[in-house]
Amino acid sequence: MRRASALSDNKPDHTTDLPAADLDHLRLPDLEALRRPFSTHKPRILILYGSLRQISFSRLLAMEAKRLLEHFGAEVKVFDPSGLPLPDDAPVSHPKVQELRDLSAWSEGQVWVSPERHGTLTGIMKAQIDWIPLSVGAIRPTQGKTLAVMQVSGGSQSFNAVNAMRLLGRWMRMITIPNQSSVAKAWQEFDADGRMKPSSYYERVVDVCEELVKFTYLTRDISDYLTDRYSERKEAAAKSAKPLNLAAL
């Protein structure tokens, strides 16, 4: 009963034996903070794809995802990586870099679609992710945003690229949804008009897009609360308590 009361009041139970923790910065889950009213605007989704080929199955899959996401009520923008310089080979003021960063900041969720090359995502896909910074001043451009990952393969089904992108999504502090899509022998899964044929692969793409929109609705209004961390609260308090060194000014 004591633990239930502590949860409802959002106050730490000081009888708990946690000698290594700073109890002033511990926070119990706040149920009201998790029940904020939903925003009513369309979920804003950015799609990145990882190939510049004239016939790019990752681009075709990205466009198929765009149609599905729009059907589920999202506002979708697709970034064209053509012309994006290699990371650190141009200033951040480069127009394509700024376009990518602005789209990432605009988005509330993202979809990353990559071919598998040499057992992982492509360099084109990785370059886009590398141009999106982990932090800009006090702002973390990707933290708390939702993420769905998909891949296309020329041969048998593999999950190397989506697994690698999941790792990157976690590093970017994104909320990667449980579902994912891996389209094997992608060259035979699209028709002459570039539309995906009916198949179990297509059904999984539908699943991923539906799930991404649901998770985006669920988390976008509380992402700041979901990513509020004990260690960062403790660090911020220590910085604010540090006396001003006038001699260093």
C-alpha atoms as a PDB file:
ATOM      1  CA  MET A   1       0.000   0.000   0.000  1.00  0.00           C
ATOM      2  CA  ARG A   2       2.856   2.384   0.752  1.00  0.00           C
ATOM      3  CA  ARG A   3       4.341   1.890  -2.702  1.00  0.00           C
ATOM      4  CA  ALA A   4       0.949   2.513  -4.366  1.00  0.00           C
ATOM      5  CA  SER A   5       0.528   5.715  -2.395  1.00  0.00           C
ATOM      6  CA  ALA A   6       4.002   6.868  -3.371  1.00  0.00           C
ATOM      7  CA  LEU A   7       3.193   6.248  -7.025  1.00  0.00           C
ATOM      8  CA  SER A   8      -0.028   8.216  -6.917  1.00  0.00           C
ATOM      9  CA  ASP A   9       1.665  11.167  -5.162  1.00  0.00           C
ATOM     10  CA  ASN A  10       4.767  10.945  -7.369  1.00  0.00           C
ATOM     11  CA  LYS A  11       6.991  11.142  -4.281  1.00  0.00           C
ATOM     12  CA  PRO A  12       9.971   8.846  -3.705  1.00  0.00           C
ATOM     13  CA  ASP A  13       9.663   6.347  -0.898  1.00  0.00           C
ATOM     14  CA  HIS A  14      12.541   7.443   1.347  1.00  0.00           C
ATOM     15  CA  THR A  15      12.419   4.153   3.230  1.00  0.00           C
ATOM     16  CA  THR A  16      13.881   2.438   0.148  1.00  0.00           C
ATOM     17  CA  ASP A  17      17.542   1.504   0.565  1.00  0.00           C
ATOM     18  CA  LEU A  18      19.285   3.266  -2.352  1.00  0.00           C
ATOM     19  CA  PRO A  19      22.556   4.574  -0.904  1.00  0.00           C
ATOM     20  CA  ALA A  20      24.106   5.286  -4.323  1.00  0.00           C
ATOM     21  CA  ALA A  21      21.177   7.418  -5.521  1.00  0.00           C
ATOM     22  CA  ASP A  22      20.519  11.106  -4.944  1.00  0.00           C
ATOM     23  CA  LEU A  23      16.921  10.982  -3.723  1.00  0.00           C
ATOM     24  CA  ASP A  24      16.391  14.669  -4.473  1.00  0.00           C
ATOM     25  CA  HIS A  25      16.565  13.884  -8.181  1.00  0.00           C
ATOM     26  CA  LEU A  26      14.646  10.592  -8.270  1.00  0.00           C
ATOM     27  CA  ARG A  27      11.209  10.800  -9.853  1.00  0.00           C
ATOM     28  CA  LEU A  28       8.497   8.187  -9.686  1.00  0.00           C
ATOM     29  CA  PRO A  29       6.341   7.755 -12.807  1.00  0.00           C
ATOM     30  CA  ASP A  30       3.813  10.577 -13.065  1.00  0.00           C
ATOM     31  CA  LEU A  31       0.623   9.100 -14.490  1.00  0.00           C
ATOM     32  CA  GLU A  32      -0.856  12.522 -15.216  1.00  0.00           C
ATOM     33  CA  ALA A  33       2.211  13.493 -17.250  1.00  0.00           C
ATOM     34  CA  LEU A  34       1.574  10.401 -19.365  1.00  0.00           C
ATOM     35  CA  ARG A  35      -2.058  11.402 -19.954  1.00  0.00           C
ATOM     36  CA  ARG A  36      -1.597  14.751 -21.655  1.00  0.00           C
ATOM     37  CA  PRO A  37      -4.233  15.675 -24.253  1.00  0.00           C
ATOM     38  CA  PHE A  38      -3.356  14.524 -27.761  1.00  0.00           C
ATOM     39  CA  SER A  39      -2.374  17.120 -30.337  1.00  0.00           C
ATOM     40  CA  THR A  40      -4.801  17.130 -33.232  1.00  0.00           C
ATOM     41  CA  HIS A  41      -2.501  18.012 -36.141  1.00  0.00           C
ATOM     42  CA  LYS A  42      -1.372  15.292 -38.530  1.00  0.00           C
ATOM     43  CA  PRO A  43       1.705  13.323 -37.386  1.00  0.00           C
ATOM     44  CA  ARG A  44       4.745  14.729 -39.216  1.00  0.00           C
ATOM     45  CA  ILE A  45       6.820  11.910 -40.718  1.00  0.00           C
ATOM     46  CA  LEU A  46      10.158  12.178 -42.558  1.00  0.00           C
ATOM     47  CA  ILE A  47      11.293   9.330 -44.819  1.00  0.00           C
ATOM     48  CA  LEU A  48      14.968   8.731 -45.668  1.00  0.00           C
ATOM     49  CA  TYR A  49      16.087   6.161 -48.243  1.00  0.00           C
ATOM     50  CA  GLY A  50      19.556   4.865 -48.992  1.00  0.00           C
ATOM     51  CA  SER A  51      20.138   4.508 -52.724  1.00  0.00           C
ATOM     52  CA  LEU A  52      20.830   6.827 -55.691  1.00  0.00           C
ATOM     53  CA  ARG A  53      20.289   4.214 -58.381  1.00  0.00           C
ATOM     54  CA  GLN A  54      18.022   5.129 -61.268  1.00  0.00           C
ATOM     55  CA  ILE A  55      15.866   2.145 -60.381  1.00  0.00           C
ATOM     56  CA  SER A  56      16.043   2.239 -56.587  1.00  0.00           C
ATOM     57  CA  PHE A  57      13.935  -0.288 -54.746  1.00  0.00           C
ATOM     58  CA  SER A  58      14.553   1.480 -51.447  1.00  0.00           C
ATOM     59  CA  ARG A  59      13.099   4.648 -53.008  1.00  0.00           C
ATOM     60  CA  LEU A  60      10.136   2.686 -54.366  1.00  0.00           C
ATOM     61  CA  LEU A  61       9.551   1.205 -50.923  1.00  0.00           C
ATOM     62  CA  ALA A  62       9.870   4.675 -49.383  1.00  0.00           C
ATOM     63  CA  MET A  63       7.204   5.997 -51.737  1.00  0.00           C
ATOM     64  CA  GLU A  64       4.944   3.033 -50.951  1.00  0.00           C
ATOM     65  CA  ALA A  65       5.363   3.832 -47.248  1.00  0.00           C
ATOM     66  CA  LYS A  66       4.546   7.482 -47.960  1.00  0.00           C
ATOM     67  CA  ARG A  67       1.218   6.532 -49.551  1.00  0.00           C
ATOM     68  CA  LEU A  68       0.326   4.271 -46.642  1.00  0.00           C
ATOM     69  CA  LEU A  69       1.317   6.819 -43.992  1.00  0.00           C
ATOM     70  CA  GLU A  70      -0.759   9.480 -45.706  1.00  0.00           C
ATOM     71  CA  HIS A  71      -3.688   7.049 -45.762  1.00  0.00           C
ATOM     72  CA  PHE A  72      -3.281   6.626 -41.992  1.00  0.00           C
ATOM     73  CA  GLY A  73      -3.475  10.403 -41.561  1.00  0.00           C
ATOM     74  CA  ALA A  74       0.159  11.523 -41.510  1.00  0.00           C
ATOM     75  CA  GLU A  75       1.835  14.455 -43.228  1.00  0.00           C
ATOM     76  CA  VAL A  76       4.847  12.962 -45.006  1.00  0.00           C
ATOM     77  CA  LYS A  77       7.990  14.401 -46.558  1.00  0.00           C
ATOM     78  CA  VAL A  78      10.645  12.351 -48.375  1.00  0.00           C
ATOM     79  CA  PHE A  79      14.240  13.577 -48.468  1.00  0.00           C
ATOM     80  CA  ASP A  80      16.140  13.128 -51.735  1.00  0.00           C
ATOM     81  CA  PRO A  81      19.781  12.317 -50.805  1.00  0.00           C
ATOM     82  CA  SER A  82      21.117  13.219 -54.258  1.00  0.00           C
ATOM     83  CA  GLY A  83      23.646  16.024 -53.855  1.00  0.00           C
ATOM     84  CA  LEU A  84      24.151  15.538 -50.125  1.00  0.00           C
ATOM     85  CA  PRO A  85      27.905  15.809 -49.430  1.00  0.00           C
ATOM     86  CA  LEU A  86      29.840  13.308 -47.376  1.00  0.00           C
ATOM     87  CA  PRO A  87      29.844  14.065 -43.654  1.00  0.00           C
ATOM     88  CA  ASP A  88      32.532  16.657 -42.780  1.00  0.00           C
ATOM     89  CA  ASP A  89      33.252  17.256 -46.487  1.00  0.00           C
ATOM     90  CA  ALA A  90      31.162  20.437 -46.530  1.00  0.00           C
ATOM     91  CA  PRO A  91      30.024  23.051 -44.003  1.00  0.00           C
ATOM     92  CA  VAL A  92      26.706  22.600 -42.216  1.00  0.00           C
ATOM     93  CA  SER A  93      25.485  25.613 -44.197  1.00  0.00           C
ATOM     94  CA  HIS A  94      25.417  23.453 -47.356  1.00  0.00           C
ATOM     95  CA  PRO A  95      21.850  23.659 -48.775  1.00  0.00           C
ATOM     96  CA  LYS A  96      21.272  19.888 -48.758  1.00  0.00           C
ATOM     97  CA  VAL A  97      22.558  19.580 -45.204  1.00  0.00           C
ATOM     98  CA  GLN A  98      20.291  22.391 -44.071  1.00  0.00           C
ATOM     99  CA  GLU A  99      17.345  20.834 -45.893  1.00  0.00           C
ATOM    100  CA  LEU A 100      17.929  17.504 -44.151  1.00  0.00           C
ATOM    101  CA  ARG A 101      18.386  19.071 -40.720  1.00  0.00           C
ATOM    102  CA  ASP A 102      15.300  21.253 -41.108  1.00  0.00           C
ATOM    103  CA  LEU A 103      13.218  18.234 -42.119  1.00  0.00           C
ATOM    104  CA  SER A 104      14.524  16.231 -39.171  1.00  0.00           C
ATOM    105  CA  ALA A 105      13.641  19.073 -36.795  1.00  0.00           C
ATOM    106  CA  TRP A 106      10.183  19.352 -38.392  1.00  0.00           C
ATOM    107  CA  SER A 107       9.442  15.641 -38.055  1.00  0.00           C
ATOM    108  CA  GLU A 108       7.801  13.887 -35.132  1.00  0.00           C
ATOM    109  CA  GLY A 109       8.651  10.459 -36.525  1.00  0.00           C
ATOM    110  CA  GLN A 110      10.892   9.042 -39.217  1.00  0.00           C
ATOM    111  CA  VAL A 111      11.173   6.040 -41.545  1.00  0.00           C
ATOM    112  CA  TRP A 112      14.606   4.827 -42.632  1.00  0.00           C
ATOM    113  CA  VAL A 113      14.671   2.590 -45.720  1.00  0.00           C
ATOM    114  CA  SER A 114      17.990   1.133 -46.839  1.00  0.00           C
ATOM    115  CA  PRO A 115      19.231  -1.531 -49.209  1.00  0.00           C
ATOM    116  CA  GLU A 116      21.526  -4.075 -47.620  1.00  0.00           C
ATOM    117  CA  ARG A 117      25.068  -3.684 -48.911  1.00  0.00           C
ATOM    118  CA  HIS A 118      28.036  -5.681 -47.622  1.00  0.00           C
ATOM    119  CA  GLY A 119      25.864  -6.956 -44.792  1.00  0.00           C
ATOM    120  CA  THR A 120      24.687  -3.593 -43.480  1.00  0.00           C
ATOM    121  CA  LEU A 121      23.033  -0.309 -44.445  1.00  0.00           C
ATOM    122  CA  THR A 122      24.481   1.688 -47.333  1.00  0.00           C
ATOM    123  CA  GLY A 123      26.933   4.552 -47.017  1.00  0.00           C
ATOM    124  CA  ILE A 124      24.295   6.865 -48.513  1.00  0.00           C
ATOM    125  CA  MET A 125      21.914   5.974 -45.699  1.00  0.00           C
ATOM    126  CA  LYS A 126      24.598   6.341 -43.052  1.00  0.00           C
ATOM    127  CA  ALA A 127      25.701   9.719 -44.454  1.00  0.00           C
ATOM    128  CA  GLN A 128      22.192  11.102 -44.001  1.00  0.00           C
ATOM    129  CA  ILE A 129      22.039   9.899 -40.411  1.00  0.00           C
ATOM    130  CA  ASP A 130      25.546  11.248 -39.714  1.00  0.00           C
ATOM    131  CA  TRP A 131      24.549  14.735 -40.888  1.00  0.00           C
ATOM    132  CA  ILE A 132      21.763  14.853 -38.276  1.00  0.00           C
ATOM    133  CA  PRO A 133      23.471  15.947 -35.046  1.00  0.00           C
ATOM    134  CA  LEU A 134      22.869  14.398 -31.650  1.00  0.00           C
ATOM    135  CA  SER A 135      22.609  17.877 -30.162  1.00  0.00           C
ATOM    136  CA  VAL A 136      22.508  21.520 -31.202  1.00  0.00           C
ATOM    137  CA  GLY A 137      23.093  23.569 -28.092  1.00  0.00           C
ATOM    138  CA  ALA A 138      20.482  22.425 -25.592  1.00  0.00           C
ATOM    139  CA  ILE A 139      18.303  20.863 -28.325  1.00  0.00           C
ATOM    140  CA  ARG A 140      18.499  17.185 -29.293  1.00  0.00           C
ATOM    141  CA  PRO A 141      17.044  17.059 -32.837  1.00  0.00           C
ATOM    142  CA  THR A 142      16.055  13.383 -32.803  1.00  0.00           C
ATOM    143  CA  GLN A 143      15.460  12.616 -29.136  1.00  0.00           C
ATOM    144  CA  GLY A 144      12.002  11.222 -28.440  1.00  0.00           C
ATOM    145  CA  LYS A 145      10.964  11.008 -32.095  1.00  0.00           C
ATOM    146  CA  THR A 146       9.517   7.724 -33.319  1.00  0.00           C
ATOM    147  CA  LEU A 147      11.369   5.621 -35.877  1.00  0.00           C
ATOM    148  CA  ALA A 148      10.484   2.743 -38.212  1.00  0.00           C
ATOM    149  CA  VAL A 149      13.165   0.809 -40.103  1.00  0.00           C
ATOM    150  CA  MET A 150      12.862  -1.086 -43.390  1.00  0.00           C
ATOM    151  CA  GLN A 151      15.268  -2.697 -45.818  1.00  0.00           C
ATOM    152  CA  VAL A 152      15.315  -4.191 -49.291  1.00  0.00           C
ATOM    153  CA  SER A 153      17.527  -7.072 -50.370  1.00  0.00           C
ATOM    154  CA  GLY A 154      18.522  -8.363 -53.777  1.00  0.00           C
ATOM    155  CA  GLY A 155      18.587 -11.944 -52.543  1.00  0.00           C
ATOM    156  CA  SER A 156      17.154 -13.910 -49.659  1.00  0.00           C
ATOM    157  CA  GLN A 157      15.606 -12.183 -46.680  1.00  0.00           C
ATOM    158  CA  SER A 158      18.030 -10.631 -44.243  1.00  0.00           C
ATOM    159  CA  PHE A 159      17.768  -8.339 -41.230  1.00  0.00           C
ATOM    160  CA  ASN A 160      21.307  -6.960 -41.110  1.00  0.00           C
ATOM    161  CA  ALA A 161      20.406  -3.468 -42.340  1.00  0.00           C
ATOM    162  CA  VAL A 162      17.360  -3.040 -40.101  1.00  0.00           C
ATOM    163  CA  ASN A 163      19.351  -4.294 -37.112  1.00  0.00           C
ATOM    164  CA  ALA A 164      22.103  -1.772 -37.849  1.00  0.00           C
ATOM    165  CA  MET A 165      19.554   1.024 -38.194  1.00  0.00           C
ATOM    166  CA  ARG A 166      17.951   0.019 -34.900  1.00  0.00           C
ATOM    167  CA  LEU A 167      21.336   0.468 -33.249  1.00  0.00           C
ATOM    168  CA  LEU A 168      21.681   3.909 -34.835  1.00  0.00           C
ATOM    169  CA  GLY A 169      18.154   4.858 -33.822  1.00  0.00           C
ATOM    170  CA  ARG A 170      18.911   4.004 -30.220  1.00  0.00           C
ATOM    171  CA  TRP A 171      22.129   6.035 -30.431  1.00  0.00           C
ATOM    172  CA  MET A 172      20.086   8.973 -31.772  1.00  0.00           C
ATOM    173  CA  ARG A 173      17.768   8.580 -28.756  1.00  0.00           C
ATOM    174  CA  MET A 174      14.766   7.733 -30.893  1.00  0.00           C
ATOM    175  CA  ILE A 175      11.791   5.530 -30.030  1.00  0.00           C
ATOM    176  CA  THR A 176      12.143   2.683 -32.532  1.00  0.00           C
ATOM    177  CA  ILE A 177       8.862   0.816 -32.942  1.00  0.00           C
ATOM    178  CA  PRO A 178       8.825  -2.977 -32.471  1.00  0.00           C
ATOM    179  CA  ASN A 179       7.754  -3.847 -36.020  1.00  0.00           C
ATOM    180  CA  GLN A 180      10.047  -3.688 -39.053  1.00  0.00           C
ATOM    181  CA  SER A 181      10.081  -4.687 -42.726  1.00  0.00           C
ATOM    182  CA  SER A 182      12.636  -6.640 -44.759  1.00  0.00           C
ATOM    183  CA  VAL A 183      11.730  -7.174 -48.418  1.00  0.00           C
ATOM    184  CA  ALA A 184      13.666 -10.044 -50.018  1.00  0.00           C
ATOM    185  CA  LYS A 185      14.313 -10.217 -53.770  1.00  0.00           C
ATOM    186  CA  ALA A 186      12.938  -6.718 -54.051  1.00  0.00           C
ATOM    187  CA  TRP A 187      13.348  -6.717 -57.826  1.00  0.00           C
ATOM    188  CA  GLN A 188      10.376  -9.071 -58.118  1.00  0.00           C
ATOM    189  CA  GLU A 189       8.149  -7.320 -55.551  1.00  0.00           C
ATOM    190  CA  PHE A 190       7.380  -4.209 -57.648  1.00  0.00           C
ATOM    191  CA  ASP A 191       5.451  -3.933 -60.900  1.00  0.00           C
ATOM    192  CA  ALA A 192       6.369  -1.971 -64.043  1.00  0.00           C
ATOM    193  CA  ASP A 193       4.796   1.174 -62.557  1.00  0.00           C
ATOM    194  CA  GLY A 194       6.949   0.964 -59.440  1.00  0.00           C
ATOM    195  CA  ARG A 195       4.086  -0.121 -57.213  1.00  0.00           C
ATOM    196  CA  MET A 196       4.521  -2.902 -54.692  1.00  0.00           C
ATOM    197  CA  LYS A 197       2.672  -6.110 -55.527  1.00  0.00           C
ATOM    198  CA  PRO A 198       0.318  -7.812 -53.052  1.00  0.00           C
ATOM    199  CA  SER A 199       2.349 -10.162 -50.848  1.00  0.00           C
ATOM    200  CA  SER A 200       3.210 -10.959 -47.252  1.00  0.00           C
ATOM    201  CA  TYR A 201       6.052  -8.435 -47.627  1.00  0.00           C
ATOM    202  CA  TYR A 202       3.559  -5.713 -48.549  1.00  0.00           C
ATOM    203  CA  GLU A 203       1.367  -6.664 -45.599  1.00  0.00           C
ATOM    204  CA  ARG A 204       4.322  -6.207 -43.250  1.00  0.00           C
ATOM    205  CA  VAL A 205       4.965  -2.745 -44.729  1.00  0.00           C
ATOM    206  CA  VAL A 206       1.328  -1.875 -43.979  1.00  0.00           C
ATOM    207  CA  ASP A 207       1.808  -3.150 -40.419  1.00  0.00           C
ATOM    208  CA  VAL A 208       4.905  -0.998 -39.929  1.00  0.00           C
ATOM    209  CA  CYS A 209       3.275   2.186 -41.224  1.00  0.00           C
ATOM    210  CA  GLU A 210       0.136   1.674 -39.139  1.00  0.00           C
ATOM    211  CA  GLU A 211       2.201   1.006 -36.032  1.00  0.00           C
ATOM    212  CA  LEU A 212       4.439   4.036 -36.590  1.00  0.00           C
ATOM    213  CA  VAL A 213       1.462   6.386 -36.764  1.00  0.00           C
ATOM    214  CA  LYS A 214      -0.008   4.877 -33.583  1.00  0.00           C
ATOM    215  CA  PHE A 215       3.270   5.200 -31.666  1.00  0.00           C
ATOM    216  CA  THR A 216       3.735   8.760 -32.915  1.00  0.00           C
ATOM    217  CA  TYR A 217       0.285   9.751 -31.693  1.00  0.00           C
ATOM    218  CA  LEU A 218       0.994   8.021 -28.396  1.00  0.00           C
ATOM    219  CA  THR A 219       4.386   9.580 -27.653  1.00  0.00           C
ATOM    220  CA  ARG A 220       4.803  12.912 -29.453  1.00  0.00           C
ATOM    221  CA  ASP A 221       3.096  15.032 -26.772  1.00  0.00           C
ATOM    222  CA  ILE A 222       4.989  13.407 -23.911  1.00  0.00           C
ATOM    223  CA  SER A 223       8.394  12.809 -25.506  1.00  0.00           C
ATOM    224  CA  ASP A 224       9.984  15.457 -23.272  1.00  0.00           C
ATOM    225  CA  TYR A 225       8.688  13.636 -20.202  1.00  0.00           C
ATOM    226  CA  LEU A 226       9.628  10.183 -21.516  1.00  0.00           C
ATOM    227  CA  THR A 227      13.223  11.335 -22.091  1.00  0.00           C
ATOM    228  CA  ASP A 228      13.587  13.224 -18.786  1.00  0.00           C
ATOM    229  CA  ARG A 229      16.495  11.425 -17.086  1.00  0.00           C
ATOM    230  CA  TYR A 230      17.744  11.175 -13.529  1.00  0.00           C
ATOM    231  CA  SER A 231      21.392  11.508 -14.575  1.00  0.00           C
ATOM    232  CA  GLU A 232      20.717  14.667 -16.586  1.00  0.00           C
ATOM    233  CA  ARG A 233      18.620  16.242 -13.820  1.00  0.00           C
ATOM    234  CA  LYS A 234      21.444  15.559 -11.376  1.00  0.00           C
ATOM    235  CA  GLU A 235      24.043  17.010 -13.754  1.00  0.00           C
ATOM    236  CA  ALA A 236      21.973  20.141 -14.416  1.00  0.00           C
ATOM    237  CA  ALA A 237      21.496  20.712 -10.690  1.00  0.00           C
ATOM    238  CA  ALA A 238      25.233  20.395 -10.093  1.00  0.00           C
ATOM    239  CA  LYS A 239      25.993  22.951 -12.813  1.00  0.00           C
ATOM    240  CA  SER A 240      23.462  25.440 -11.486  1.00  0.00           C
ATOM    241  CA  ALA A 241      24.841  25.093  -7.969  1.00  0.00           C
ATOM    242  CA  LYS A 242      28.450  25.671  -9.051  1.00  0.00           C
ATOM    243  CA  PRO A 243      29.654  29.087  -7.770  1.00  0.00           C
ATOM    244  CA  LEU A 244      30.575  31.724 -10.330  1.00  0.00           C
ATOM    245  CA  ASN A 245      34.337  32.092 -10.755  1.00  0.00           C
ATOM    246  CA  LEU A 246      34.772  35.830 -11.234  1.00  0.00           C
ATOM    247  CA  ALA A 247      38.526  35.479 -11.704  1.00  0.00           C
ATOM    248  CA  ALA A 248      37.916  33.447 -14.851  1.00  0.00           C
ATOM    249  CA  LEU A 249      35.794  36.181 -16.453  1.00  0.00           C
END
